[in-house]
PDB file of N, CA and C in Angstrom:
ATOM      1  N   UNK A   1      11.644 -10.508 -73.869  1.00  0.00           N
ATOM      2  CA  UNK A   1      10.243 -10.585 -73.500  1.00  0.00           C
ATOM      3  C   UNK A   1      10.022 -11.880 -72.714  1.00  0.00           C
ATOM      4  N   UNK A   2       9.402 -11.751 -71.576  1.00  0.00           N
ATOM      5  CA  UNK A   2       9.150 -12.895 -70.709  1.00  0.00           C
ATOM      6  C   UNK A   2       7.887 -13.609 -71.174  1.00  0.00           C
ATOM      7  N   UNK A   3       7.970 -14.920 -71.210  1.00  0.00           N
ATOM      8  CA  UNK A   3       6.834 -15.728 -71.635  1.00  0.00           C
ATOM      9  C   UNK A   3       5.753 -15.722 -70.555  1.00  0.00           C
ATOM     10  N   UNK A   4       4.490 -15.723 -70.982  1.00  0.00           N
ATOM     11  CA  UNK A   4       3.375 -15.690 -70.026  1.00  0.00           C
ATOM     12  C   UNK A   4       3.321 -16.954 -69.169  1.00  0.00           C
ATOM     13  N   UNK A   5       3.833 -18.070 -69.702  1.00  0.00           N
ATOM     14  CA  UNK A   5       3.856 -19.306 -68.911  1.00  0.00           C
ATOM     15  C   UNK A   5       4.743 -19.146 -67.670  1.00  0.00           C
ATOM     16  N   UNK A   6       5.793 -18.363 -67.809  1.00  0.00           N
ATOM     17  CA  UNK A   6       6.672 -18.138 -66.661  1.00  0.00           C
ATOM     18  C   UNK A   6       5.937 -17.352 -65.572  1.00  0.00           C
ATOM     19  N   UNK A   7       5.172 -16.353 -65.984  1.00  0.00           N
ATOM     20  CA  UNK A   7       4.459 -15.508 -65.017  1.00  0.00           C
ATOM     21  C   UNK A   7       3.353 -16.297 -64.332  1.00  0.00           C
ATOM     22  N   UNK A   8       2.528 -16.965 -65.125  1.00  0.00           N
ATOM     23  CA  UNK A   8       1.427 -17.726 -64.528  1.00  0.00           C
ATOM     24  C   UNK A   8       1.956 -18.898 -63.710  1.00  0.00           C
ATOM     25  N   UNK A   9       3.054 -19.504 -64.171  1.00  0.00           N
ATOM     26  CA  UNK A   9       3.645 -20.614 -63.416  1.00  0.00           C
ATOM     27  C   UNK A   9       4.164 -20.157 -62.062  1.00  0.00           C
ATOM     28  N   UNK A  10       4.834 -19.007 -62.036  1.00  0.00           N
ATOM     29  CA  UNK A  10       5.345 -18.491 -60.769  1.00  0.00           C
ATOM     30  C   UNK A  10       4.196 -18.136 -59.829  1.00  0.00           C
ATOM     31  N   UNK A  11       3.135 -17.547 -60.368  1.00  0.00           N
ATOM     32  CA  UNK A  11       1.971 -17.196 -59.541  1.00  0.00           C
ATOM     33  C   UNK A  11       1.293 -18.454 -59.008  1.00  0.00           C
ATOM     34  N   UNK A  12       1.164 -19.464 -59.861  1.00  0.00           N
ATOM     35  CA  UNK A  12       0.532 -20.717 -59.418  1.00  0.00           C
ATOM     36  C   UNK A  12       1.380 -21.407 -58.356  1.00  0.00           C
ATOM     37  N   UNK A  13       2.703 -21.383 -58.536  1.00  0.00           N
ATOM     38  CA  UNK A  13       3.593 -22.006 -57.555  1.00  0.00           C
ATOM     39  C   UNK A  13       3.500 -21.297 -56.212  1.00  0.00           C
ATOM     40  N   UNK A  14       3.468 -19.975 -56.247  1.00  0.00           N
ATOM     41  CA  UNK A  14       3.351 -19.212 -55.001  1.00  0.00           C
ATOM     42  C   UNK A  14       2.013 -19.495 -54.318  1.00  0.00           C
ATOM     43  N   UNK A  15       0.935 -19.494 -55.092  1.00  0.00           N
ATOM     44  CA  UNK A  15      -0.385 -19.794 -54.526  1.00  0.00           C
ATOM     45  C   UNK A  15      -0.436 -21.192 -53.945  1.00  0.00           C
ATOM     46  N   UNK A  16       0.171 -22.142 -54.635  1.00  0.00           N
ATOM     47  CA  UNK A  16       0.192 -23.515 -54.136  1.00  0.00           C
ATOM     48  C   UNK A  16       1.004 -23.655 -52.864  1.00  0.00           C
ATOM     49  N   UNK A  17       2.125 -22.911 -52.807  1.00  0.00           N
ATOM     50  CA  UNK A  17       2.950 -22.956 -51.603  1.00  0.00           C
ATOM     51  C   UNK A  17       2.181 -22.394 -50.404  1.00  0.00           C
ATOM     52  N   UNK A  18       1.495 -21.268 -50.634  1.00  0.00           N
ATOM     53  CA  UNK A  18       0.697 -20.669 -49.558  1.00  0.00           C
ATOM     54  C   UNK A  18      -0.410 -21.627 -49.131  1.00  0.00           C
ATOM     55  N   UNK A  19      -1.094 -22.224 -50.099  1.00  0.00           N
ATOM     56  CA  UNK A  19      -2.177 -23.159 -49.781  1.00  0.00           C
ATOM     57  C   UNK A  19      -1.637 -24.354 -49.006  1.00  0.00           C
ATOM     58  N   UNK A  20      -0.453 -24.850 -49.409  1.00  0.00           N
ATOM     59  CA  UNK A  20       0.129 -25.987 -48.705  1.00  0.00           C
ATOM     60  C   UNK A  20       0.497 -25.652 -47.275  1.00  0.00           C
ATOM     61  N   UNK A  21       1.082 -24.468 -47.073  1.00  0.00           N
ATOM     62  CA  UNK A  21       1.470 -24.067 -45.717  1.00  0.00           C
ATOM     63  C   UNK A  21       0.234 -23.851 -44.845  1.00  0.00           C
ATOM     64  N   UNK A  22      -0.757 -23.144 -45.386  1.00  0.00           N
ATOM     65  CA  UNK A  22      -1.981 -22.892 -44.617  1.00  0.00           C
ATOM     66  C   UNK A  22      -2.691 -24.211 -44.306  1.00  0.00           C
ATOM     67  N   UNK A  23      -2.738 -25.104 -45.279  1.00  0.00           N
ATOM     68  CA  UNK A  23      -3.370 -26.410 -45.035  1.00  0.00           C
ATOM     69  C   UNK A  23      -2.621 -27.199 -43.978  1.00  0.00           C
ATOM     70  N   UNK A  24      -1.278 -27.108 -44.018  1.00  0.00           N
ATOM     71  CA  UNK A  24      -0.493 -27.808 -43.006  1.00  0.00           C
ATOM     72  C   UNK A  24      -0.695 -27.225 -41.616  1.00  0.00           C
ATOM     73  N   UNK A  25      -0.767 -25.887 -41.529  1.00  0.00           N
ATOM     74  CA  UNK A  25      -0.987 -25.241 -40.238  1.00  0.00           C
ATOM     75  C   UNK A  25      -2.379 -25.525 -39.695  1.00  0.00           C
ATOM     76  N   UNK A  26      -3.348 -25.624 -40.618  1.00  0.00           N
ATOM     77  CA  UNK A  26      -4.727 -25.874 -40.195  1.00  0.00           C
ATOM     78  C   UNK A  26      -4.974 -27.352 -39.922  1.00  0.00           C
ATOM     79  N   UNK A  27      -3.999 -28.183 -40.275  1.00  0.00           N
ATOM     80  CA  UNK A  27      -4.164 -29.619 -40.043  1.00  0.00           C
ATOM     81  C   UNK A  27      -4.952 -30.307 -41.136  1.00  0.00           C
ATOM     82  N   UNK A  28      -5.148 -29.648 -42.270  1.00  0.00           N
ATOM     83  CA  UNK A  28      -5.911 -30.224 -43.375  1.00  0.00           C
ATOM     84  C   UNK A  28      -4.933 -30.856 -44.369  1.00  0.00           C
ATOM     85  N   UNK A  29      -4.858 -32.175 -44.306  1.00  0.00           N
ATOM     86  CA  UNK A  29      -3.954 -32.872 -45.235  1.00  0.00           C
ATOM     87  C   UNK A  29      -4.385 -32.686 -46.679  1.00  0.00           C
ATOM     88  N   UNK A  30      -5.693 -32.615 -46.892  1.00  0.00           N
ATOM     89  CA  UNK A  30      -6.222 -32.456 -48.256  1.00  0.00           C
ATOM     90  C   UNK A  30      -5.754 -31.131 -48.857  1.00  0.00           C
ATOM     91  N   UNK A  31      -5.879 -30.034 -48.114  1.00  0.00           N
ATOM     92  CA  UNK A  31      -5.435 -28.727 -48.600  1.00  0.00           C
ATOM     93  C   UNK A  31      -3.918 -28.675 -48.750  1.00  0.00           C
ATOM     94  N   UNK A  32      -3.218 -29.308 -47.834  1.00  0.00           N
ATOM     95  CA  UNK A  32      -1.762 -29.318 -47.891  1.00  0.00           C
ATOM     96  C   UNK A  32      -1.276 -30.041 -49.147  1.00  0.00           C
ATOM     97  N   UNK A  33      -1.853 -31.199 -49.436  1.00  0.00           N
ATOM     98  CA  UNK A  33      -1.464 -31.970 -50.623  1.00  0.00           C
ATOM     99  C   UNK A  33      -1.879 -31.239 -51.891  1.00  0.00           C
ATOM    100  N   UNK A  34      -3.078 -30.668 -51.904  1.00  0.00           N
ATOM    101  CA  UNK A  34      -3.544 -29.921 -53.083  1.00  0.00           C
ATOM    102  C   UNK A  34      -2.637 -28.718 -53.336  1.00  0.00           C
ATOM    103  N   UNK A  35      -2.212 -28.061 -52.260  1.00  0.00           N
ATOM    104  CA  UNK A  35      -1.317 -26.917 -52.399  1.00  0.00           C
ATOM    105  C   UNK A  35       0.042 -27.320 -52.961  1.00  0.00           C
ATOM    106  N   UNK A  36       0.569 -28.417 -52.472  1.00  0.00           N
ATOM    107  CA  UNK A  36       1.868 -28.898 -52.972  1.00  0.00           C
ATOM    108  C   UNK A  36       1.759 -29.325 -54.437  1.00  0.00           C
ATOM    109  N   UNK A  37       0.645 -29.927 -54.803  1.00  0.00           N
ATOM    110  CA  UNK A  37       0.427 -30.310 -56.199  1.00  0.00           C
ATOM    111  C   UNK A  37       0.344 -29.065 -57.085  1.00  0.00           C
ATOM    112  N   UNK A  38      -0.390 -28.069 -56.616  1.00  0.00           N
ATOM    113  CA  UNK A  38      -0.520 -26.819 -57.365  1.00  0.00           C
ATOM    114  C   UNK A  38       0.843 -26.124 -57.489  1.00  0.00           C
ATOM    115  N   UNK A  39       1.640 -26.192 -56.438  1.00  0.00           N
ATOM    116  CA  UNK A  39       2.987 -25.613 -56.469  1.00  0.00           C
ATOM    117  C   UNK A  39       3.856 -26.327 -57.514  1.00  0.00           C
ATOM    118  N   UNK A  40       3.774 -27.648 -57.545  1.00  0.00           N
ATOM    119  CA  UNK A  40       4.551 -28.424 -58.519  1.00  0.00           C
ATOM    120  C   UNK A  40       4.113 -28.107 -59.954  1.00  0.00           C
ATOM    121  N   UNK A  41       2.797 -27.969 -60.163  1.00  0.00           N
ATOM    122  CA  UNK A  41       2.301 -27.599 -61.492  1.00  0.00           C
ATOM    123  C   UNK A  41       2.815 -26.219 -61.900  1.00  0.00           C
ATOM    124  N   UNK A  42       2.822 -25.292 -60.959  1.00  0.00           N
ATOM    125  CA  UNK A  42       3.323 -23.950 -61.238  1.00  0.00           C
ATOM    126  C   UNK A  42       4.802 -23.956 -61.579  1.00  0.00           C
ATOM    127  N   UNK A  43       5.585 -24.749 -60.849  1.00  0.00           N
ATOM    128  CA  UNK A  43       7.020 -24.855 -61.151  1.00  0.00           C
ATOM    129  C   UNK A  43       7.251 -25.452 -62.526  1.00  0.00           C
ATOM    130  N   UNK A  44       6.457 -26.459 -62.874  1.00  0.00           N
ATOM    131  CA  UNK A  44       6.594 -27.068 -64.202  1.00  0.00           C
ATOM    132  C   UNK A  44       6.230 -26.071 -65.298  1.00  0.00           C
ATOM    133  N   UNK A  45       5.183 -25.320 -65.095  1.00  0.00           N
ATOM    134  CA  UNK A  45       4.770 -24.318 -66.081  1.00  0.00           C
ATOM    135  C   UNK A  45       5.842 -23.223 -66.214  1.00  0.00           C
ATOM    136  N   UNK A  46       6.428 -22.833 -65.104  1.00  0.00           N
ATOM    137  CA  UNK A  46       7.492 -21.842 -65.117  1.00  0.00           C
ATOM    138  C   UNK A  46       8.697 -22.366 -65.906  1.00  0.00           C
ATOM    139  N   UNK A  47       9.082 -23.614 -65.682  1.00  0.00           N
ATOM    140  CA  UNK A  47      10.196 -24.209 -66.423  1.00  0.00           C
ATOM    141  C   UNK A  47       9.897 -24.294 -67.917  1.00  0.00           C
ATOM    142  N   UNK A  48       8.665 -24.612 -68.249  1.00  0.00           N
ATOM    143  CA  UNK A  48       8.255 -24.655 -69.658  1.00  0.00           C
ATOM    144  C   UNK A  48       8.397 -23.268 -70.294  1.00  0.00           C
ATOM    145  N   UNK A  49       7.978 -22.240 -69.582  1.00  0.00           N
ATOM    146  CA  UNK A  49       8.129 -20.872 -70.080  1.00  0.00           C
ATOM    147  C   UNK A  49       9.587 -20.485 -70.246  1.00  0.00           C
ATOM    148  N   UNK A  50      10.434 -20.910 -69.312  1.00  0.00           N
ATOM    149  CA  UNK A  50      11.864 -20.628 -69.424  1.00  0.00           C
ATOM    150  C   UNK A  50      12.458 -21.309 -70.656  1.00  0.00           C
ATOM    151  N   UNK A  51      12.029 -22.536 -70.922  1.00  0.00           N
ATOM    152  CA  UNK A  51      12.520 -23.255 -72.102  1.00  0.00           C
ATOM    153  C   UNK A  51      12.088 -22.552 -73.382  1.00  0.00           C
ATOM    154  N   UNK A  52      10.836 -22.092 -73.416  1.00  0.00           N
ATOM    155  CA  UNK A  52      10.361 -21.356 -74.592  1.00  0.00           C
ATOM    156  C   UNK A  52      11.153 -20.069 -74.791  1.00  0.00           C
ATOM    157  N   UNK A  53      11.452 -19.369 -73.701  1.00  0.00           N
ATOM    158  CA  UNK A  53      12.260 -18.147 -73.797  1.00  0.00           C
ATOM    159  C   UNK A  53      13.655 -18.455 -74.336  1.00  0.00           C
ATOM    160  N   UNK A  54      14.255 -19.545 -73.858  1.00  0.00           N
ATOM    161  CA  UNK A  54      15.601 -19.910 -74.309  1.00  0.00           C
ATOM    162  C   UNK A  54      15.605 -20.241 -75.798  1.00  0.00           C
ATOM    163  N   UNK A  55      14.598 -20.971 -76.265  1.00  0.00           N
ATOM    164  CA  UNK A  55      14.513 -21.319 -77.684  1.00  0.00           C
ATOM    165  C   UNK A  55      14.287 -20.061 -78.524  1.00  0.00           C
ATOM    166  N   UNK A  56      13.426 -19.183 -78.056  1.00  0.00           N
ATOM    167  CA  UNK A  56      13.165 -17.931 -78.777  1.00  0.00           C
ATOM    168  C   UNK A  56      14.437 -17.090 -78.870  1.00  0.00           C
ATOM    169  N   UNK A  57      15.187 -17.017 -77.787  1.00  0.00           N
ATOM    170  CA  UNK A  57      16.431 -16.249 -77.767  1.00  0.00           C
ATOM    171  C   UNK A  57      17.450 -16.860 -78.733  1.00  0.00           C
ATOM    172  N   UNK A  58      17.567 -18.181 -78.728  1.00  0.00           N
ATOM    173  CA  UNK A  58      18.511 -18.851 -79.637  1.00  0.00           C
ATOM    174  C   UNK A  58      18.114 -18.623 -81.091  1.00  0.00           C
ATOM    175  N   UNK A  59      16.824 -18.683 -81.382  1.00  0.00           N
ATOM    176  CA  UNK A  59      16.361 -18.463 -82.759  1.00  0.00           C
ATOM    177  C   UNK A  59      16.643 -17.033 -83.204  1.00  0.00           C
ATOM    178  N   UNK A  60      16.478 -16.077 -82.306  1.00  0.00           N
ATOM    179  CA  UNK A  60      16.785 -14.681 -82.641  1.00  0.00           C
ATOM    180  C   UNK A  60      18.265 -14.508 -82.937  1.00  0.00           C
ATOM    181  N   UNK A  61      19.124 -15.151 -82.143  1.00  0.00           N
ATOM    182  CA  UNK A  61      20.565 -15.040 -82.378  1.00  0.00           C
ATOM    183  C   UNK A  61      20.959 -15.678 -83.705  1.00  0.00           C
ATOM    184  N   UNK A  62      20.387 -16.835 -84.022  1.00  0.00           N
ATOM    185  CA  UNK A  62      20.689 -17.492 -85.294  1.00  0.00           C
ATOM    186  C   UNK A  62      20.244 -16.610 -86.455  1.00  0.00           C
ATOM    187  N   UNK A  63      19.081 -16.008 -86.322  1.00  0.00           N
ATOM    188  CA  UNK A  63      18.579 -15.115 -87.365  1.00  0.00           C
ATOM    189  C   UNK A  63      19.506 -13.920 -87.559  1.00  0.00           C
ATOM    190  N   UNK A  64      19.983 -13.354 -86.454  1.00  0.00           N
ATOM    191  CA  UNK A  64      20.910 -12.223 -86.547  1.00  0.00           C
ATOM    192  C   UNK A  64      22.212 -12.620 -87.231  1.00  0.00           C
ATOM    193  N   UNK A  65      22.750 -13.789 -86.858  1.00  0.00           N
ATOM    194  CA  UNK A  65      23.998 -14.256 -87.479  1.00  0.00           C
ATOM    195  C   UNK A  65      23.798 -14.540 -88.966  1.00  0.00           C
ATOM    196  N   UNK A  66      22.660 -15.097 -89.325  1.00  0.00           N
ATOM    197  CA  UNK A  66      22.388 -15.371 -90.739  1.00  0.00           C
ATOM    198  C   UNK A  66      22.280 -14.074 -91.530  1.00  0.00           C
ATOM    199  N   UNK A  67      21.633 -13.080 -90.958  1.00  0.00           N
ATOM    200  CA  UNK A  67      21.521 -11.789 -91.646  1.00  0.00           C
ATOM    201  C   UNK A  67      22.892 -11.145 -91.818  1.00  0.00           C
ATOM    202  N   UNK A  68      23.747 -11.238 -90.801  1.00  0.00           N
ATOM    203  CA  UNK A  68      25.101 -10.694 -90.909  1.00  0.00           C
ATOM    204  C   UNK A  68      25.900 -11.423 -91.989  1.00  0.00           C
ATOM    205  N   UNK A  69      25.795 -12.746 -92.017  1.00  0.00           N
ATOM    206  CA  UNK A  69      26.517 -13.520 -93.026  1.00  0.00           C
ATOM    207  C   UNK A  69      26.019 -13.181 -94.433  1.00  0.00           C
ATOM    208  N   UNK A  70      24.731 -13.001 -94.575  1.00  0.00           N
ATOM    209  CA  UNK A  70      24.166 -12.631 -95.873  1.00  0.00           C
ATOM    210  C   UNK A  70      24.691 -11.272 -96.323  1.00  0.00           C
ATOM    211  N   UNK A  71      24.717 -10.315 -95.395  1.00  0.00           N
ATOM    212  CA  UNK A  71      25.222  -8.978 -95.732  1.00  0.00           C
ATOM    213  C   UNK A  71      26.700  -9.020 -96.110  1.00  0.00           C
ATOM    214  N   UNK A  72      27.500  -9.798 -95.361  1.00  0.00           N
ATOM    215  CA  UNK A  72      28.925  -9.923 -95.705  1.00  0.00           C
ATOM    216  C   UNK A  72      29.091 -10.571 -97.074  1.00  0.00           C
ATOM    217  N   UNK A  73      28.313 -11.602 -97.363  1.00  0.00           N
ATOM    218  CA  UNK A  73      28.386 -12.269 -98.665  1.00  0.00           C
ATOM    219  C   UNK A  73      28.034 -11.329 -99.801  1.00  0.00           C
ATOM    220  N   UNK A  74      26.983 -10.542 -99.592  1.00  0.00           N
ATOM    221  CA  UNK A  74      26.605  -9.557-100.620  1.00  0.00           C
ATOM    222  C   UNK A  74      27.715  -8.548-100.860  1.00  0.00           C
ATOM    223  N   UNK A  75      28.323  -8.093 -99.756  1.00  0.00           N
ATOM    224  CA  UNK A  75      29.388  -7.108 -99.881  1.00  0.00           C
ATOM    225  C   UNK A  75      30.595  -7.699-100.612  1.00  0.00           C
ATOM    226  N   UNK A  76      30.982  -8.933-100.261  1.00  0.00           N
ATOM    227  CA  UNK A  76      32.116  -9.575-100.923  1.00  0.00           C
ATOM    228  C   UNK A  76      31.819  -9.826-102.402  1.00  0.00           C
ATOM    229  N   UNK A  77      30.600 -10.226-102.696  1.00  0.00           N
ATOM    230  CA  UNK A  77      30.234 -10.456-104.101  1.00  0.00           C
ATOM    231  C   UNK A  77      30.292  -9.144-104.881  1.00  0.00           C
ATOM    232  N   UNK A  78      29.819  -8.068-104.270  1.00  0.00           N
ATOM    233  CA  UNK A  78      29.850  -6.771-104.943  1.00  0.00           C
ATOM    234  C   UNK A  78      31.289  -6.307-105.159  1.00  0.00           C
ATOM    235  N   UNK A  79      32.130  -6.484-104.140  1.00  0.00           N
ATOM    236  CA  UNK A  79      33.533  -6.099-104.275  1.00  0.00           C
ATOM    237  C   UNK A  79      34.217  -6.934-105.361  1.00  0.00           C
ATOM    238  N   UNK A  80      33.902  -8.219-105.412  1.00  0.00           N
ATOM    239  CA  UNK A  80      34.451  -9.076-106.462  1.00  0.00           C
ATOM    240  C   UNK A  80      33.995  -8.635-107.837  1.00  0.00           C
ATOM    241  N   UNK A  81      32.739  -8.265-107.930  1.00  0.00           N
ATOM    242  CA  UNK A  81      32.214  -7.780-109.206  1.00  0.00           C
ATOM    243  C   UNK A  81      32.928  -6.501-109.622  1.00  0.00           C
ATOM    244  N   UNK A  82      33.138  -5.603-108.667  1.00  0.00           N
ATOM    245  CA  UNK A  82      33.841  -4.356-108.975  1.00  0.00           C
ATOM    246  C   UNK A  82      35.263  -4.625-109.451  1.00  0.00           C
ATOM    247  N   UNK A  83      35.953  -5.558-108.803  1.00  0.00           N
ATOM    248  CA  UNK A  83      37.325  -5.893-109.212  1.00  0.00           C
ATOM    249  C   UNK A  83      37.332  -6.513-110.610  1.00  0.00           C
ATOM    250  N   UNK A  84      36.331  -7.338-110.905  1.00  0.00           N
ATOM    251  CA  UNK A  84      36.303  -7.991-112.217  1.00  0.00           C
ATOM    252  C   UNK A  84      36.032  -6.988-113.331  1.00  0.00           C
ATOM    253  N   UNK A  85      35.301  -5.915-113.028  1.00  0.00           N
ATOM    254  CA  UNK A  85      35.069  -4.904-114.055  1.00  0.00           C
ATOM    255  C   UNK A  85      36.259  -3.963-114.184  1.00  0.00           C
ATOM    256  N   UNK A  86      37.078  -3.841-113.107  1.00  0.00           N
ATOM    257  CA  UNK A  86      38.282  -3.014-113.186  1.00  0.00           C
ATOM    258  C   UNK A  86      39.382  -3.710-113.986  1.00  0.00           C
ATOM    259  N   UNK A  87      39.489  -5.019-113.809  1.00  0.00           N
ATOM    260  CA  UNK A  87      40.531  -5.797-114.471  1.00  0.00           C
ATOM    261  C   UNK A  87      39.901  -6.980-115.218  1.00  0.00           C
ATOM    262  N   UNK A  88      39.243  -6.740-116.335  1.00  0.00           N
ATOM    263  CA  UNK A  88      38.558  -7.835-117.025  1.00  0.00           C
ATOM    264  C   UNK A  88      39.527  -8.901-117.552  1.00  0.00           C
ATOM    265  N   UNK A  89      40.724  -8.506-117.946  1.00  0.00           N
ATOM    266  CA  UNK A  89      41.675  -9.493-118.468  1.00  0.00           C
ATOM    267  C   UNK A  89      42.138 -10.439-117.363  1.00  0.00           C
ATOM    268  N   UNK A  90      42.347  -9.897-116.173  1.00  0.00           N
ATOM    269  CA  UNK A  90      42.754 -10.743-115.055  1.00  0.00           C
ATOM    270  C   UNK A  90      41.644 -11.741-114.723  1.00  0.00           C
ATOM    271  N   UNK A  91      40.402 -11.297-114.817  1.00  0.00           N
ATOM    272  CA  UNK A  91      39.276 -12.196-114.544  1.00  0.00           C
ATOM    273  C   UNK A  91      39.239 -13.330-115.554  1.00  0.00           C
ATOM    274  N   UNK A  92      39.517 -13.015-116.826  1.00  0.00           N
ATOM    275  CA  UNK A  92      39.535 -14.064-117.848  1.00  0.00           C
ATOM    276  C   UNK A  92      40.662 -15.052-117.601  1.00  0.00           C
ATOM    277  N   UNK A  93      41.831 -14.570-117.183  1.00  0.00           N
ATOM    278  CA  UNK A  93      42.963 -15.463-116.901  1.00  0.00           C
ATOM    279  C   UNK A  93      42.627 -16.383-115.727  1.00  0.00           C
ATOM    280  N   UNK A  94      42.042 -15.820-114.660  1.00  0.00           N
ATOM    281  CA  UNK A  94      41.676 -16.639-113.504  1.00  0.00           C
ATOM    282  C   UNK A  94      40.634 -17.676-113.899  1.00  0.00           C
ATOM    283  N   UNK A  95      39.631 -17.277-114.675  1.00  0.00           N
ATOM    284  CA  UNK A  95      38.597 -18.224-115.109  1.00  0.00           C
ATOM    285  C   UNK A  95      39.228 -19.323-115.966  1.00  0.00           C
ATOM    286  N   UNK A  96      40.178 -18.956-116.836  1.00  0.00           N
ATOM    287  CA  UNK A  96      40.851 -19.953-117.666  1.00  0.00           C
ATOM    288  C   UNK A  96      41.660 -20.929-116.835  1.00  0.00           C
ATOM    289  N   UNK A  97      42.364 -20.414-115.815  1.00  0.00           N
ATOM    290  CA  UNK A  97      43.147 -21.295-114.946  1.00  0.00           C
ATOM    291  C   UNK A  97      42.254 -22.238-114.149  1.00  0.00           C
ATOM    292  N   UNK A  98      41.134 -21.747-113.679  1.00  0.00           N
ATOM    293  CA  UNK A  98      40.195 -22.607-112.953  1.00  0.00           C
ATOM    294  C   UNK A  98      39.662 -23.687-113.877  1.00  0.00           C
ATOM    295  N   UNK A  99      39.298 -23.306-115.102  1.00  0.00           N
ATOM    296  CA  UNK A  99      38.807 -24.291-116.073  1.00  0.00           C
ATOM    297  C   UNK A  99      39.870 -25.321-116.417  1.00  0.00           C
ATOM    298  N   UNK A 100      41.103 -24.869-116.573  1.00  0.00           N
ATOM    299  CA  UNK A 100      42.203 -25.790-116.874  1.00  0.00           C
ATOM    300  C   UNK A 100      42.407 -26.768-115.715  1.00  0.00           C
ATOM    301  N   UNK A 101      42.373 -26.239-114.463  1.00  0.00           N
ATOM    302  CA  UNK A 101      42.524 -27.086-113.303  1.00  0.00           C
ATOM    303  C   UNK A 101      41.411 -28.114-113.184  1.00  0.00           C
ATOM    304  N   UNK A 102      40.200 -27.685-113.437  1.00  0.00           N
ATOM    305  CA  UNK A 102      39.078 -28.636-113.409  1.00  0.00           C
ATOM    306  C   UNK A 102      39.209 -29.694-114.494  1.00  0.00           C
ATOM    307  N   UNK A 103      39.691 -29.267-115.672  1.00  0.00           N
ATOM    308  CA  UNK A 103      39.903 -30.218-116.755  1.00  0.00           C
ATOM    309  C   UNK A 103      40.934 -31.266-116.385  1.00  0.00           C
ATOM    310  N   UNK A 104      42.007 -30.863-115.723  1.00  0.00           N
ATOM    311  CA  UNK A 104      43.018 -31.819-115.272  1.00  0.00           C
ATOM    312  C   UNK A 104      42.440 -32.790-114.266  1.00  0.00           C
ATOM    313  N   UNK A 105      41.623 -32.285-113.326  1.00  0.00           N
ATOM    314  CA  UNK A 105      40.999 -33.167-112.324  1.00  0.00           C
ATOM    315  C   UNK A 105      40.070 -34.178-112.975  1.00  0.00           C
ATOM    316  N   UNK A 106      39.297 -33.743-113.930  1.00  0.00           N
ATOM    317  CA  UNK A 106      38.340 -34.631-114.591  1.00  0.00           C
ATOM    318  C   UNK A 106      39.066 -35.672-115.432  1.00  0.00           C
ATOM    319  N   UNK A 107      40.138 -35.265-116.081  1.00  0.00           N
ATOM    320  CA  UNK A 107      40.846 -36.211-116.940  1.00  0.00           C
ATOM    321  C   UNK A 107      41.578 -37.272-116.120  1.00  0.00           C
ATOM    322  N   UNK A 108      41.904 -36.990-114.856  1.00  0.00           N
ATOM    323  CA  UNK A 108      42.580 -37.966-113.987  1.00  0.00           C
ATOM    324  C   UNK A 108      41.601 -39.020-113.477  1.00  0.00           C
ATOM    325  N   UNK A 109      40.339 -38.701-113.466  1.00  0.00           N
ATOM    326  CA  UNK A 109      39.353 -39.651-112.953  1.00  0.00           C
ATOM    327  C   UNK A 109      39.103 -40.668-113.998  1.00  0.00           C
TER     328      UNK A 109
END
């Protein structure tokens, strides 16, 4: 989705460019300078809209990656739970070994 600042900025820049050219052709320095100023404002507004679009796009991608990671984590946790219910004795042995290892680490400190 294109940001409205990009659209209005491009329109303002085009209008300013036309005003600057017409003012220059007519010999009106005031119109020429006003047109160039309006063109610069339009370009700045367009760049601001582009920056907002880039940030919005990056936020959407981060959100998508976070949702994927959450789904993978849920799936792995569920698979682990299923394995622990299939082999409860193995789960107890692994938990005991982890506890023993932690106990050794704590006793060394």
